[in-house]
N, C-alpha and C. Protein backbone atom coordinates (compact mmCIF):
# COMPACT_ATOMS: atom_id res chain seq x y z
N MET A 1 37.03 51.11 -43.59
CA MET A 1 36.17 50.64 -42.56
C MET A 1 35.79 51.81 -41.66
N ALA A 2 34.54 51.89 -41.37
CA ALA A 2 34.06 53.02 -40.58
C ALA A 2 34.25 52.76 -39.11
N LYS A 3 34.56 53.80 -38.41
CA LYS A 3 34.73 53.68 -36.96
C LYS A 3 33.37 53.55 -36.31
N PRO A 4 33.28 52.69 -35.31
CA PRO A 4 32.00 52.60 -34.62
C PRO A 4 31.72 53.88 -33.84
N SER A 5 30.56 54.36 -34.01
CA SER A 5 30.18 55.56 -33.27
C SER A 5 29.43 55.14 -32.00
N ARG A 6 29.19 56.13 -31.20
CA ARG A 6 28.48 55.86 -29.96
C ARG A 6 27.08 55.34 -30.24
N HIS A 7 26.44 55.81 -31.27
CA HIS A 7 25.10 55.37 -31.64
C HIS A 7 25.11 53.91 -32.10
N ASN A 8 26.12 53.50 -32.85
CA ASN A 8 26.21 52.13 -33.35
C ASN A 8 26.42 51.13 -32.20
N LEU A 9 27.12 51.53 -31.15
CA LEU A 9 27.36 50.63 -30.03
C LEU A 9 26.09 50.39 -29.21
N ARG A 10 25.19 51.35 -29.16
CA ARG A 10 23.99 51.21 -28.37
C ARG A 10 22.89 50.47 -29.12
N THR A 11 22.95 50.40 -30.38
CA THR A 11 21.89 49.78 -31.15
C THR A 11 21.71 48.31 -30.79
N PRO A 12 22.76 47.47 -30.69
CA PRO A 12 22.53 46.08 -30.31
C PRO A 12 21.95 45.94 -28.91
N LYS A 13 22.33 46.83 -27.99
CA LYS A 13 21.81 46.74 -26.63
C LYS A 13 20.31 46.99 -26.62
N THR A 14 19.84 47.93 -27.37
CA THR A 14 18.42 48.23 -27.37
C THR A 14 17.61 47.12 -27.98
N LYS A 15 18.14 46.38 -28.98
CA LYS A 15 17.42 45.25 -29.56
C LYS A 15 17.21 44.16 -28.51
N TYR A 16 18.26 43.83 -27.79
CA TYR A 16 18.18 42.76 -26.81
C TYR A 16 17.55 43.22 -25.51
N HIS A 17 17.64 44.50 -25.22
CA HIS A 17 17.06 45.02 -24.00
C HIS A 17 15.54 44.81 -23.99
N HIS A 18 14.88 45.00 -25.14
CA HIS A 18 13.43 44.78 -25.23
C HIS A 18 13.08 43.31 -24.97
N LYS A 19 13.86 42.37 -25.50
CA LYS A 19 13.61 40.93 -25.30
C LYS A 19 13.85 40.54 -23.84
N LEU A 20 14.84 41.14 -23.20
CA LEU A 20 15.11 40.85 -21.80
C LEU A 20 13.97 41.35 -20.91
N ARG A 21 13.41 42.48 -21.25
CA ARG A 21 12.30 43.01 -20.46
C ARG A 21 11.08 42.10 -20.57
N ILE A 22 10.81 41.56 -21.76
CA ILE A 22 9.68 40.64 -21.94
C ILE A 22 9.94 39.35 -21.16
N GLY A 23 11.16 38.82 -21.24
CA GLY A 23 11.51 37.61 -20.50
C GLY A 23 11.39 37.80 -19.01
N ALA A 24 11.82 38.95 -18.50
CA ALA A 24 11.72 39.24 -17.07
C ALA A 24 10.27 39.35 -16.64
N ALA A 25 9.44 39.93 -17.49
CA ALA A 25 8.02 40.04 -17.16
C ALA A 25 7.35 38.67 -17.11
N VAL A 26 7.68 37.81 -18.06
CA VAL A 26 7.12 36.45 -18.07
C VAL A 26 7.59 35.69 -16.83
N PHE A 27 8.85 35.82 -16.49
CA PHE A 27 9.39 35.14 -15.31
C PHE A 27 8.70 35.64 -14.04
N THR A 28 8.47 36.95 -13.94
CA THR A 28 7.80 37.52 -12.77
C THR A 28 6.37 37.00 -12.65
N ILE A 29 5.65 36.97 -13.77
CA ILE A 29 4.27 36.47 -13.75
C ILE A 29 4.23 35.00 -13.36
N LEU A 30 5.14 34.19 -13.91
CA LEU A 30 5.19 32.76 -13.58
C LEU A 30 5.52 32.55 -12.11
N THR A 31 6.46 33.32 -11.58
CA THR A 31 6.82 33.20 -10.17
C THR A 31 5.64 33.56 -9.27
N LEU A 32 4.95 34.65 -9.59
CA LEU A 32 3.81 35.05 -8.80
C LEU A 32 2.70 34.00 -8.86
N TYR A 33 2.47 33.41 -10.02
CA TYR A 33 1.44 32.37 -10.13
C TYR A 33 1.81 31.15 -9.29
N LEU A 34 3.08 30.74 -9.32
CA LEU A 34 3.51 29.57 -8.54
C LEU A 34 3.41 29.84 -7.04
N LEU A 35 3.64 31.07 -6.63
CA LEU A 35 3.49 31.40 -5.21
C LEU A 35 2.02 31.46 -4.81
N TRP A 36 1.15 31.90 -5.71
CA TRP A 36 -0.28 32.03 -5.42
C TRP A 36 -1.00 30.69 -5.47
N ALA A 37 -0.60 29.78 -6.36
CA ALA A 37 -1.33 28.53 -6.59
C ALA A 37 -1.46 27.66 -5.33
N PRO A 38 -0.40 27.42 -4.55
CA PRO A 38 -0.57 26.56 -3.36
C PRO A 38 -1.46 27.19 -2.29
N SER A 39 -1.54 28.52 -2.24
CA SER A 39 -2.37 29.14 -1.22
C SER A 39 -3.85 29.15 -1.61
N ASN A 40 -4.14 28.89 -2.86
CA ASN A 40 -5.52 28.87 -3.33
C ASN A 40 -6.18 27.57 -2.88
N PRO A 41 -7.31 27.60 -2.16
CA PRO A 41 -7.93 26.36 -1.68
C PRO A 41 -8.42 25.46 -2.81
N ALA A 42 -8.66 25.99 -3.98
CA ALA A 42 -9.11 25.16 -5.09
C ALA A 42 -7.98 24.27 -5.60
N CYS A 43 -6.76 24.60 -5.28
CA CYS A 43 -5.61 23.82 -5.76
C CYS A 43 -5.12 22.82 -4.71
N ALA A 44 -5.85 22.64 -3.62
CA ALA A 44 -5.42 21.71 -2.57
C ALA A 44 -5.39 20.30 -3.11
N LEU A 45 -4.37 19.54 -2.76
CA LEU A 45 -4.22 18.19 -3.26
C LEU A 45 -5.00 17.18 -2.43
N GLU A 46 -4.92 17.29 -1.12
CA GLU A 46 -5.57 16.30 -0.27
C GLU A 46 -5.83 16.89 1.10
N GLN A 47 -7.00 16.63 1.64
CA GLN A 47 -7.30 17.06 2.99
C GLN A 47 -7.12 15.86 3.91
N ILE A 48 -6.55 16.11 5.07
CA ILE A 48 -6.36 15.02 6.03
C ILE A 48 -7.12 15.35 7.30
N SER A 49 -7.40 14.32 8.05
CA SER A 49 -8.08 14.48 9.32
C SER A 49 -7.22 13.84 10.40
N LEU A 50 -7.12 14.50 11.51
CA LEU A 50 -6.33 13.97 12.62
C LEU A 50 -7.21 13.29 13.66
N LYS A 51 -8.46 13.04 13.33
CA LYS A 51 -9.35 12.33 14.24
C LYS A 51 -8.88 10.89 14.37
N LYS A 52 -9.11 10.32 15.53
CA LYS A 52 -8.79 8.91 15.73
C LYS A 52 -10.02 8.08 15.48
N TYR A 53 -9.88 7.08 14.64
CA TYR A 53 -10.98 6.18 14.31
C TYR A 53 -10.71 4.83 14.95
N PRO A 54 -11.76 4.10 15.27
CA PRO A 54 -11.55 2.76 15.84
C PRO A 54 -10.95 1.84 14.79
N GLU A 55 -10.16 0.89 15.25
CA GLU A 55 -9.57 -0.08 14.32
C GLU A 55 -10.67 -0.92 13.70
N LEU A 56 -10.50 -1.21 12.43
CA LEU A 56 -11.52 -1.95 11.71
C LEU A 56 -11.35 -3.46 11.84
N SER A 57 -10.22 -3.89 12.36
CA SER A 57 -10.00 -5.32 12.49
C SER A 57 -9.44 -5.63 13.88
N LEU A 58 -9.69 -6.85 14.33
CA LEU A 58 -9.19 -7.31 15.62
C LEU A 58 -7.87 -8.03 15.41
N GLN A 59 -6.86 -7.67 16.18
CA GLN A 59 -5.59 -8.37 16.08
C GLN A 59 -5.70 -9.70 16.80
N VAL A 60 -5.23 -10.73 16.12
CA VAL A 60 -5.31 -12.08 16.68
C VAL A 60 -3.91 -12.68 16.71
N PRO A 61 -3.68 -13.61 17.63
CA PRO A 61 -2.38 -14.28 17.66
C PRO A 61 -2.25 -15.22 16.47
N ASN A 62 -1.04 -15.56 16.18
CA ASN A 62 -0.78 -16.48 15.08
C ASN A 62 0.09 -17.60 15.61
N PRO A 63 -0.35 -18.82 15.71
CA PRO A 63 -1.60 -19.43 15.26
C PRO A 63 -2.76 -19.09 16.20
N MET A 64 -3.99 -19.39 15.73
CA MET A 64 -5.19 -19.05 16.50
C MET A 64 -6.18 -20.20 16.47
N GLU A 65 -7.02 -20.24 17.46
CA GLU A 65 -8.09 -21.24 17.51
C GLU A 65 -9.30 -20.69 16.75
N THR A 66 -9.89 -21.52 15.90
CA THR A 66 -11.05 -21.06 15.13
C THR A 66 -12.27 -20.84 16.01
N SER A 67 -12.37 -21.55 17.13
CA SER A 67 -13.53 -21.37 18.01
C SER A 67 -13.53 -20.01 18.72
N LYS A 68 -12.39 -19.35 18.79
CA LYS A 68 -12.29 -18.05 19.46
C LYS A 68 -12.48 -16.88 18.50
N LEU A 69 -12.63 -17.16 17.21
CA LEU A 69 -12.83 -16.09 16.24
C LEU A 69 -14.31 -15.71 16.21
N GLN A 70 -14.60 -14.43 16.41
CA GLN A 70 -15.97 -13.96 16.48
C GLN A 70 -16.61 -13.92 15.09
N ALA A 71 -17.89 -14.13 15.05
CA ALA A 71 -18.62 -14.09 13.77
C ALA A 71 -18.72 -12.65 13.26
N ARG A 72 -18.70 -12.51 11.95
CA ARG A 72 -18.86 -11.23 11.25
C ARG A 72 -17.84 -10.18 11.67
N LYS A 73 -16.63 -10.58 11.94
CA LYS A 73 -15.54 -9.66 12.29
C LYS A 73 -14.38 -9.85 11.32
N THR A 74 -13.58 -8.81 11.20
CA THR A 74 -12.36 -8.87 10.39
C THR A 74 -11.19 -8.97 11.35
N PHE A 75 -10.24 -9.82 11.02
CA PHE A 75 -9.10 -10.08 11.90
C PHE A 75 -7.81 -9.69 11.20
N GLN A 76 -6.81 -9.34 11.99
CA GLN A 76 -5.51 -8.94 11.45
C GLN A 76 -4.41 -9.76 12.08
N VAL A 77 -3.48 -10.22 11.23
CA VAL A 77 -2.31 -10.96 11.68
C VAL A 77 -1.09 -10.11 11.37
N ASN A 78 -0.30 -9.79 12.40
CA ASN A 78 0.95 -9.06 12.23
C ASN A 78 2.10 -10.04 12.40
N HIS A 79 2.78 -10.30 11.32
CA HIS A 79 3.93 -11.21 11.30
C HIS A 79 5.14 -10.38 10.92
N GLN A 80 6.33 -10.83 11.25
CA GLN A 80 7.52 -10.04 10.90
C GLN A 80 7.74 -9.93 9.40
N GLU A 81 7.18 -10.82 8.60
CA GLU A 81 7.35 -10.79 7.15
C GLU A 81 6.11 -10.28 6.40
N PHE A 82 4.97 -10.17 7.07
CA PHE A 82 3.76 -9.72 6.39
C PHE A 82 2.73 -9.22 7.41
N ILE A 83 1.76 -8.47 6.89
CA ILE A 83 0.58 -8.05 7.64
C ILE A 83 -0.61 -8.33 6.75
N LEU A 84 -1.58 -9.05 7.27
CA LEU A 84 -2.77 -9.35 6.47
C LEU A 84 -4.02 -9.27 7.31
N GLN A 85 -5.13 -8.99 6.64
CA GLN A 85 -6.44 -8.98 7.28
C GLN A 85 -7.28 -10.05 6.60
N PHE A 86 -8.13 -10.70 7.40
CA PHE A 86 -8.96 -11.75 6.83
C PHE A 86 -10.31 -11.81 7.52
N PHE A 87 -11.24 -12.45 6.85
CA PHE A 87 -12.59 -12.68 7.34
C PHE A 87 -12.81 -14.18 7.33
N PHE A 88 -13.34 -14.70 8.41
CA PHE A 88 -13.56 -16.15 8.55
C PHE A 88 -15.03 -16.40 8.80
N ASN A 89 -15.67 -17.22 7.94
CA ASN A 89 -17.11 -17.48 8.08
C ASN A 89 -17.39 -18.92 8.55
N ASP A 90 -16.52 -19.48 9.36
CA ASP A 90 -16.60 -20.84 9.89
C ASP A 90 -16.31 -21.92 8.85
N ARG A 91 -16.13 -21.54 7.62
CA ARG A 91 -15.76 -22.51 6.57
C ARG A 91 -14.61 -21.98 5.72
N ASP A 92 -14.76 -20.78 5.20
CA ASP A 92 -13.80 -20.23 4.24
C ASP A 92 -13.09 -19.02 4.85
N VAL A 93 -11.93 -18.69 4.25
CA VAL A 93 -11.14 -17.54 4.68
C VAL A 93 -10.97 -16.62 3.47
N PHE A 94 -11.28 -15.34 3.63
CA PHE A 94 -11.10 -14.34 2.59
C PHE A 94 -10.27 -13.22 3.19
N GLY A 95 -9.29 -12.71 2.46
CA GLY A 95 -8.47 -11.67 3.05
C GLY A 95 -7.68 -10.84 2.07
N TYR A 96 -6.98 -9.85 2.62
CA TYR A 96 -6.10 -8.95 1.89
C TYR A 96 -4.72 -8.96 2.53
N ILE A 97 -3.72 -8.95 1.68
CA ILE A 97 -2.35 -8.79 2.15
C ILE A 97 -2.08 -7.29 2.20
N LEU A 98 -1.87 -6.75 3.38
CA LEU A 98 -1.64 -5.31 3.52
C LEU A 98 -0.18 -4.96 3.26
N LYS A 99 0.72 -5.83 3.68
CA LYS A 99 2.15 -5.56 3.56
C LYS A 99 2.86 -6.91 3.56
N ARG A 100 3.90 -7.03 2.75
CA ARG A 100 4.64 -8.28 2.76
C ARG A 100 6.04 -8.11 2.24
N ASN A 101 6.91 -9.01 2.65
CA ASN A 101 8.26 -9.11 2.11
C ASN A 101 8.15 -9.96 0.85
N LYS A 102 8.37 -9.37 -0.31
CA LYS A 102 8.14 -10.07 -1.58
C LYS A 102 9.13 -11.21 -1.82
N SER A 103 10.20 -11.23 -1.07
CA SER A 103 11.18 -12.30 -1.26
C SER A 103 10.85 -13.55 -0.45
N ARG A 104 9.75 -13.51 0.30
CA ARG A 104 9.34 -14.65 1.12
C ARG A 104 7.92 -15.06 0.77
N PRO A 105 7.62 -16.36 0.75
CA PRO A 105 6.24 -16.80 0.49
C PRO A 105 5.37 -16.66 1.75
N ILE A 106 4.06 -16.73 1.54
CA ILE A 106 3.11 -16.75 2.66
C ILE A 106 2.31 -18.04 2.56
N HIS A 107 2.32 -18.82 3.63
CA HIS A 107 1.62 -20.10 3.68
C HIS A 107 0.46 -20.02 4.66
N PHE A 108 -0.56 -20.79 4.36
CA PHE A 108 -1.73 -20.91 5.23
C PHE A 108 -1.89 -22.37 5.61
N ARG A 109 -2.30 -22.61 6.86
CA ARG A 109 -2.48 -24.00 7.31
C ARG A 109 -3.70 -24.11 8.20
N TRP A 110 -4.64 -25.00 7.79
CA TRP A 110 -5.73 -25.40 8.66
C TRP A 110 -5.13 -26.43 9.61
N CYS A 111 -5.24 -26.20 10.90
CA CYS A 111 -4.63 -27.10 11.89
C CYS A 111 -5.68 -28.06 12.45
N PHE A 112 -5.32 -29.31 12.53
CA PHE A 112 -6.21 -30.32 13.11
C PHE A 112 -6.34 -30.11 14.61
N PHE A 113 -5.22 -29.72 15.26
CA PHE A 113 -5.21 -29.49 16.70
C PHE A 113 -5.29 -27.99 17.01
N ARG A 114 -5.83 -27.65 18.18
CA ARG A 114 -5.96 -26.24 18.58
C ARG A 114 -4.62 -25.56 18.72
N SER A 115 -3.62 -26.27 19.16
CA SER A 115 -2.29 -25.69 19.36
C SER A 115 -1.52 -25.53 18.04
N CYS A 116 -2.08 -26.03 16.95
CA CYS A 116 -1.48 -25.98 15.61
C CYS A 116 -0.14 -26.72 15.54
N GLU A 117 0.00 -27.75 16.37
CA GLU A 117 1.19 -28.60 16.21
C GLU A 117 1.00 -29.43 14.93
N GLU A 118 2.10 -29.78 14.32
CA GLU A 118 2.07 -30.51 13.04
C GLU A 118 1.29 -31.82 13.16
N SER A 119 0.50 -32.07 12.14
CA SER A 119 -0.30 -33.28 12.10
C SER A 119 -0.44 -33.71 10.63
N PRO A 120 -0.55 -35.00 10.36
CA PRO A 120 -0.76 -35.43 8.97
C PRO A 120 -2.15 -35.04 8.45
N TYR A 121 -3.03 -34.62 9.33
CA TYR A 121 -4.39 -34.23 8.92
C TYR A 121 -4.51 -32.73 8.60
N ASP A 122 -3.43 -31.98 8.76
CA ASP A 122 -3.45 -30.56 8.45
C ASP A 122 -3.63 -30.34 6.95
N PHE A 123 -4.22 -29.21 6.61
CA PHE A 123 -4.40 -28.82 5.21
C PHE A 123 -3.58 -27.56 4.98
N LYS A 124 -2.66 -27.63 4.00
CA LYS A 124 -1.75 -26.51 3.75
C LYS A 124 -2.01 -25.93 2.37
N LYS A 125 -1.88 -24.60 2.29
CA LYS A 125 -2.04 -23.93 1.00
C LYS A 125 -1.10 -22.73 0.96
N VAL A 126 -0.53 -22.46 -0.21
CA VAL A 126 0.34 -21.31 -0.40
C VAL A 126 -0.52 -20.13 -0.86
N ILE A 127 -0.49 -19.06 -0.11
CA ILE A 127 -1.25 -17.86 -0.47
C ILE A 127 -0.48 -17.06 -1.52
N ALA A 128 0.83 -16.89 -1.29
CA ALA A 128 1.65 -16.09 -2.20
C ALA A 128 3.05 -16.70 -2.28
N GLN A 129 3.51 -16.92 -3.50
CA GLN A 129 4.88 -17.37 -3.72
C GLN A 129 5.82 -16.17 -3.64
N ALA A 130 7.10 -16.45 -3.41
CA ALA A 130 8.09 -15.38 -3.38
C ALA A 130 8.18 -14.72 -4.76
N PHE A 131 8.22 -13.39 -4.79
CA PHE A 131 8.33 -12.57 -5.99
C PHE A 131 7.16 -12.76 -6.96
N ASN A 132 6.03 -13.26 -6.49
CA ASN A 132 4.84 -13.43 -7.33
C ASN A 132 3.64 -12.80 -6.64
N PRO A 133 2.61 -12.44 -7.41
CA PRO A 133 1.40 -11.88 -6.81
C PRO A 133 0.70 -12.92 -5.95
N PRO A 134 -0.18 -12.56 -5.04
CA PRO A 134 -0.61 -11.19 -4.77
C PRO A 134 0.41 -10.44 -3.95
N TYR A 135 0.63 -9.17 -4.32
CA TYR A 135 1.53 -8.30 -3.58
C TYR A 135 0.71 -7.52 -2.56
N ASP A 136 1.22 -6.36 -2.16
CA ASP A 136 0.49 -5.51 -1.22
C ASP A 136 -0.89 -5.19 -1.80
N SER A 137 -1.88 -5.17 -0.97
CA SER A 137 -3.28 -4.95 -1.36
C SER A 137 -3.78 -6.06 -2.25
N GLY A 138 -3.24 -7.24 -2.11
CA GLY A 138 -3.67 -8.37 -2.91
C GLY A 138 -4.71 -9.20 -2.17
N PHE A 139 -5.74 -9.61 -2.88
CA PHE A 139 -6.82 -10.40 -2.31
C PHE A 139 -6.47 -11.89 -2.39
N PHE A 140 -6.85 -12.64 -1.37
CA PHE A 140 -6.70 -14.10 -1.40
C PHE A 140 -7.94 -14.73 -0.80
N SER A 141 -8.22 -15.96 -1.21
CA SER A 141 -9.34 -16.72 -0.62
C SER A 141 -8.91 -18.17 -0.48
N ILE A 142 -9.38 -18.77 0.60
CA ILE A 142 -9.08 -20.18 0.88
C ILE A 142 -10.39 -20.86 1.18
N LYS A 143 -10.77 -21.76 0.31
CA LYS A 143 -12.02 -22.50 0.48
C LYS A 143 -11.75 -23.72 1.35
N PHE A 144 -12.72 -24.04 2.19
CA PHE A 144 -12.61 -25.23 3.02
C PHE A 144 -12.61 -26.45 2.10
N PRO A 145 -11.69 -27.38 2.29
CA PRO A 145 -11.65 -28.58 1.43
C PRO A 145 -12.89 -29.46 1.67
N SER A 146 -13.79 -29.45 0.73
CA SER A 146 -15.07 -30.15 0.90
C SER A 146 -14.93 -31.68 0.91
N TYR A 147 -13.82 -32.19 0.40
CA TYR A 147 -13.63 -33.63 0.35
C TYR A 147 -13.21 -34.22 1.70
N LEU A 148 -12.90 -33.38 2.69
CA LEU A 148 -12.52 -33.88 4.01
C LEU A 148 -13.76 -34.05 4.88
N ASN A 149 -13.80 -35.13 5.62
CA ASN A 149 -14.96 -35.41 6.47
C ASN A 149 -14.69 -35.08 7.94
N TYR A 150 -13.73 -34.22 8.19
CA TYR A 150 -13.47 -33.76 9.56
C TYR A 150 -13.25 -32.25 9.53
N SER A 151 -13.25 -31.64 10.70
CA SER A 151 -13.07 -30.19 10.77
C SER A 151 -11.73 -29.85 11.41
N PHE A 152 -11.39 -28.58 11.32
CA PHE A 152 -10.11 -28.10 11.86
C PHE A 152 -10.38 -27.22 13.08
N GLN A 153 -9.38 -27.16 13.96
CA GLN A 153 -9.54 -26.40 15.19
C GLN A 153 -8.62 -25.17 15.25
N GLY A 154 -7.75 -25.00 14.28
CA GLY A 154 -6.84 -23.86 14.31
C GLY A 154 -6.48 -23.39 12.92
N ILE A 155 -5.95 -22.16 12.88
CA ILE A 155 -5.47 -21.53 11.64
C ILE A 155 -4.10 -20.96 11.92
N GLU A 156 -3.20 -21.09 10.95
CA GLU A 156 -1.88 -20.49 11.08
C GLU A 156 -1.43 -19.92 9.74
N PHE A 157 -0.89 -18.70 9.79
CA PHE A 157 -0.24 -18.09 8.64
C PHE A 157 1.26 -18.08 8.93
N SER A 158 2.08 -18.41 7.93
CA SER A 158 3.51 -18.46 8.16
C SER A 158 4.27 -18.01 6.91
N SER A 159 5.55 -17.80 7.09
CA SER A 159 6.43 -17.42 5.99
C SER A 159 7.73 -18.18 6.15
N PRO A 160 7.78 -19.42 5.64
CA PRO A 160 8.98 -20.23 5.83
C PRO A 160 10.17 -19.68 5.06
N LYS A 161 11.34 -19.97 5.58
CA LYS A 161 12.59 -19.49 4.94
C LYS A 161 13.02 -20.41 3.83
């Protein structure tokens, strides 16, 4: 068996030394590209504005009187279980659920009385069942019941337990 010479010991280092230099160069180029990319304006993800815009909807109490709702306006109801916006055209209600607790349903009630106290003449509809759509950003519509020959004086959104 031949003794390893000084030349034989360096040969493996030089083979791997070339590969390490290539790997280091690739790593350096990748690092520089990652540092440069966020500073490049073409790579911006999203621009934001800190301007204040007027609210697009009017906050209303819940329950509310239909006679106090302005024409051609969007209204918002903030409840502890949901937030929704709706449009009322004196007959029908169209709206979006902005935020809701999915474990609780959302109910709608046309109230016979302005104070929205319970009455056998009230019309009730479920907008969203618990754990069922519509979820956040979900659209809902409530048509006025055409078979009724009387009108309602209030609206209430609720989330019963």
